[in-house]
């Protein structure tokens, strides 16, 4: 009997096979079901790890797979229940 889990492809393996090492915002948007400019804004905010090389963005399949599997890289911190953050001395 073969193990079903061993036959399943990881998100990273799927994206790597489909797009190669890097992908465009358009391709990432298609995978996420979002408009390409939204993906660009997410990269600029740091939600998806991407690098800027001169005037161009480099988005790797690994970074997109991490975002899909684990969620945003920069998790939004909610304020405490009392509405005040602790003092930093």
Foldseek 3Di string as FASTA:
>chain_A
DDDPVVPDDAQLRVCCVVPNFWDALPVLCVVVVHDSVVSVVLCVVQQFPWDDDDPDITHTSVSSSCCVVPNGPDDDDDADPVRDDDDDD
